[in-house]
Amino acid sequence: MKTLRMIVTMMAGSASAAFAASGVQSQETGILVYFFIGFFALIIVSQLVPALILFIGMVKGVFSPSEKITVKKD
């Protein structure tokens, strides 16, 4: 009797998981997903602006003529 009760309980437990998984899934994205993606795009763009300024300064430093330092002796 205990074995039969255990088998019925196991069958009912596994059937409820199967019923829980049979749902219609929506493929639409909500407005919060777009806000989430936009927030990270804003972070990336705000990181690119200082990076470009530093890169332009580095390129100017590499390709500019070097300054010659002259020291006068008294």
N, C-alpha and C. Protein backbone atom coordinates (compact mmCIF):
# COMPACT_ATOMS: atom_id res chain seq x y z
N MET A 1 0.82 -1.20 0.00
CA MET A 1 0.00 0.00 0.00
C MET A 1 0.86 1.26 0.00
N LYS A 2 1.97 1.23 0.79
CA LYS A 2 2.85 2.39 0.83
C LYS A 2 3.51 2.62 -0.53
N THR A 3 3.84 1.52 -1.19
CA THR A 3 4.49 1.63 -2.48
C THR A 3 3.54 2.25 -3.50
N LEU A 4 2.30 1.83 -3.48
CA LEU A 4 1.31 2.37 -4.41
C LEU A 4 1.09 3.86 -4.16
N ARG A 5 1.01 4.25 -2.89
CA ARG A 5 0.83 5.66 -2.55
C ARG A 5 2.03 6.50 -3.00
N MET A 6 3.25 5.96 -2.86
CA MET A 6 4.45 6.67 -3.28
C MET A 6 4.50 6.81 -4.81
N ILE A 7 4.08 5.78 -5.53
CA ILE A 7 4.07 5.84 -6.99
C ILE A 7 3.05 6.87 -7.48
N VAL A 8 1.87 6.88 -6.88
CA VAL A 8 0.84 7.84 -7.28
C VAL A 8 1.31 9.27 -6.99
N THR A 9 1.95 9.47 -5.84
CA THR A 9 2.46 10.80 -5.49
C THR A 9 3.54 11.24 -6.47
N MET A 10 4.42 10.33 -6.85
CA MET A 10 5.47 10.68 -7.81
C MET A 10 4.89 11.00 -9.18
N MET A 11 3.90 10.25 -9.60
CA MET A 11 3.27 10.51 -10.89
C MET A 11 2.54 11.86 -10.89
N ALA A 12 1.85 12.17 -9.82
CA ALA A 12 1.14 13.45 -9.73
C ALA A 12 2.13 14.61 -9.68
N GLY A 13 3.24 14.42 -8.99
CA GLY A 13 4.25 15.46 -8.90
C GLY A 13 4.92 15.75 -10.24
N SER A 14 5.18 14.72 -11.01
CA SER A 14 5.81 14.93 -12.32
C SER A 14 4.81 15.48 -13.33
N ALA A 15 3.54 15.17 -13.17
CA ALA A 15 2.53 15.68 -14.10
C ALA A 15 2.30 17.17 -13.90
N SER A 16 2.42 17.65 -12.67
CA SER A 16 2.20 19.07 -12.44
C SER A 16 3.30 19.91 -13.07
N ALA A 17 4.52 19.38 -13.11
CA ALA A 17 5.61 20.10 -13.78
C ALA A 17 5.36 20.17 -15.28
N ALA A 18 4.79 19.12 -15.84
CA ALA A 18 4.50 19.13 -17.27
C ALA A 18 3.38 20.11 -17.60
N PHE A 19 2.39 20.22 -16.74
CA PHE A 19 1.33 21.19 -16.97
C PHE A 19 1.82 22.61 -16.80
N ALA A 20 2.76 22.82 -15.93
CA ALA A 20 3.28 24.16 -15.70
C ALA A 20 4.09 24.64 -16.90
N ALA A 21 4.71 23.73 -17.64
CA ALA A 21 5.57 24.12 -18.75
C ALA A 21 4.80 24.32 -20.04
N SER A 22 3.54 24.00 -20.09
CA SER A 22 2.80 24.10 -21.35
C SER A 22 2.05 25.42 -21.41
N GLY A 23 2.76 26.48 -21.68
CA GLY A 23 2.13 27.79 -21.78
C GLY A 23 2.51 28.46 -23.09
N VAL A 24 1.73 29.40 -23.49
CA VAL A 24 2.04 30.15 -24.69
C VAL A 24 3.04 31.23 -24.31
N GLN A 25 4.15 31.26 -25.02
CA GLN A 25 5.18 32.24 -24.73
C GLN A 25 5.02 33.43 -25.66
N SER A 26 5.18 34.59 -25.09
CA SER A 26 5.05 35.81 -25.87
C SER A 26 6.41 36.19 -26.44
N GLN A 27 6.44 36.62 -27.68
CA GLN A 27 7.68 37.02 -28.33
C GLN A 27 7.85 38.53 -28.34
N GLU A 28 6.90 39.26 -27.76
CA GLU A 28 6.98 40.70 -27.75
C GLU A 28 7.88 41.17 -26.62
N THR A 29 8.62 42.24 -26.88
CA THR A 29 9.44 42.82 -25.83
C THR A 29 8.72 44.05 -25.30
N GLY A 30 8.84 44.24 -24.02
CA GLY A 30 8.17 45.36 -23.38
C GLY A 30 9.01 46.62 -23.44
N ILE A 31 8.44 47.69 -22.92
CA ILE A 31 9.12 48.98 -22.94
C ILE A 31 10.30 48.99 -21.98
N LEU A 32 10.24 48.18 -20.92
CA LEU A 32 11.36 48.12 -19.98
C LEU A 32 12.60 47.52 -20.62
N VAL A 33 12.43 46.60 -21.54
CA VAL A 33 13.58 46.03 -22.25
C VAL A 33 14.26 47.11 -23.08
N TYR A 34 13.47 47.95 -23.73
CA TYR A 34 14.06 49.03 -24.53
C TYR A 34 14.76 50.07 -23.64
N PHE A 35 14.19 50.35 -22.48
CA PHE A 35 14.87 51.25 -21.54
C PHE A 35 16.18 50.65 -21.05
N PHE A 36 16.18 49.35 -20.79
CA PHE A 36 17.38 48.66 -20.33
C PHE A 36 18.48 48.71 -21.38
N ILE A 37 18.14 48.43 -22.63
CA ILE A 37 19.11 48.48 -23.72
C ILE A 37 19.57 49.92 -23.96
N GLY A 38 18.65 50.85 -23.90
CA GLY A 38 19.01 52.26 -24.08
C GLY A 38 19.93 52.77 -22.99
N PHE A 39 19.73 52.31 -21.76
CA PHE A 39 20.59 52.73 -20.66
C PHE A 39 22.03 52.28 -20.89
N PHE A 40 22.21 51.03 -21.32
CA PHE A 40 23.56 50.55 -21.59
C PHE A 40 24.15 51.21 -22.84
N ALA A 41 23.34 51.55 -23.82
CA ALA A 41 23.85 52.28 -24.97
C ALA A 41 24.31 53.67 -24.55
N LEU A 42 23.60 54.30 -23.64
CA LEU A 42 24.01 55.61 -23.13
C LEU A 42 25.33 55.51 -22.38
N ILE A 43 25.53 54.46 -21.62
CA ILE A 43 26.80 54.27 -20.91
C ILE A 43 27.95 54.10 -21.90
N ILE A 44 27.74 53.33 -22.95
CA ILE A 44 28.80 53.10 -23.93
C ILE A 44 29.14 54.38 -24.67
N VAL A 45 28.14 55.15 -25.07
CA VAL A 45 28.38 56.40 -25.77
C VAL A 45 29.09 57.40 -24.87
N SER A 46 28.71 57.46 -23.62
CA SER A 46 29.37 58.40 -22.70
C SER A 46 30.81 57.98 -22.41
N GLN A 47 31.15 56.73 -22.58
CA GLN A 47 32.53 56.28 -22.43
C GLN A 47 33.33 56.55 -23.70
N LEU A 48 32.66 56.58 -24.85
CA LEU A 48 33.37 56.79 -26.11
C LEU A 48 33.84 58.23 -26.29
N VAL A 49 33.09 59.20 -25.79
CA VAL A 49 33.46 60.60 -25.98
C VAL A 49 34.81 60.92 -25.35
N PRO A 50 35.07 60.62 -24.07
CA PRO A 50 36.41 60.89 -23.53
C PRO A 50 37.50 60.05 -24.19
N ALA A 51 37.15 58.82 -24.60
CA ALA A 51 38.14 57.97 -25.26
C ALA A 51 38.57 58.59 -26.59
N LEU A 52 37.62 59.14 -27.34
CA LEU A 52 37.98 59.79 -28.60
C LEU A 52 38.81 61.05 -28.38
N ILE A 53 38.49 61.81 -27.35
CA ILE A 53 39.26 63.02 -27.05
C ILE A 53 40.70 62.64 -26.69
N LEU A 54 40.88 61.61 -25.88
CA LEU A 54 42.23 61.15 -25.53
C LEU A 54 42.96 60.60 -26.74
N PHE A 55 42.27 59.88 -27.61
CA PHE A 55 42.90 59.32 -28.79
C PHE A 55 43.37 60.42 -29.74
N ILE A 56 42.54 61.44 -29.94
CA ILE A 56 42.92 62.55 -30.81
C ILE A 56 44.13 63.27 -30.23
N GLY A 57 44.16 63.48 -28.93
CA GLY A 57 45.31 64.12 -28.29
C GLY A 57 46.57 63.28 -28.43
N MET A 58 46.44 61.96 -28.36
CA MET A 58 47.60 61.10 -28.51
C MET A 58 48.13 61.14 -29.94
N VAL A 59 47.23 61.13 -30.92
CA VAL A 59 47.66 61.19 -32.32
C VAL A 59 48.34 62.53 -32.61
N LYS A 60 47.80 63.62 -32.08
CA LYS A 60 48.44 64.92 -32.26
C LYS A 60 49.83 64.93 -31.64
N GLY A 61 49.97 64.31 -30.47
CA GLY A 61 51.28 64.26 -29.80
C GLY A 61 52.29 63.44 -30.56
N VAL A 62 51.87 62.37 -31.20
CA VAL A 62 52.79 61.51 -31.94
C VAL A 62 53.23 62.18 -33.23
N PHE A 63 52.33 62.85 -33.92
CA PHE A 63 52.66 63.41 -35.24
C PHE A 63 53.08 64.88 -35.21
N SER A 64 53.09 65.50 -34.07
CA SER A 64 53.53 66.89 -34.01
C SER A 64 55.07 66.92 -33.96
N PRO A 65 55.66 68.00 -34.49
CA PRO A 65 57.12 68.08 -34.44
C PRO A 65 57.59 68.23 -33.00
N SER A 66 58.74 67.61 -32.71
CA SER A 66 59.24 67.65 -31.36
C SER A 66 59.83 69.03 -31.05
N GLU A 67 59.70 69.43 -29.82
CA GLU A 67 60.23 70.73 -29.39
C GLU A 67 61.69 70.56 -29.00
N LYS A 68 62.51 71.51 -29.42
CA LYS A 68 63.92 71.48 -29.04
C LYS A 68 64.13 72.41 -27.88
N ILE A 69 64.78 71.92 -26.87
CA ILE A 69 65.03 72.71 -25.69
C ILE A 69 66.48 73.21 -25.75
N THR A 70 66.65 74.51 -25.66
CA THR A 70 67.98 75.08 -25.64
C THR A 70 68.25 75.68 -24.27
N VAL A 71 69.41 75.43 -23.78
CA VAL A 71 69.81 75.95 -22.48
C VAL A 71 70.97 76.91 -22.70
N LYS A 72 70.83 78.15 -22.16
CA LYS A 72 71.90 79.14 -22.30
C LYS A 72 72.85 79.02 -21.13
N LYS A 73 74.13 79.10 -21.45
CA LYS A 73 75.15 79.09 -20.38
C LYS A 73 75.57 80.52 -20.11
N ASP A 74 75.66 80.85 -18.89
CA ASP A 74 76.10 82.21 -18.54
C ASP A 74 77.60 82.32 -18.54
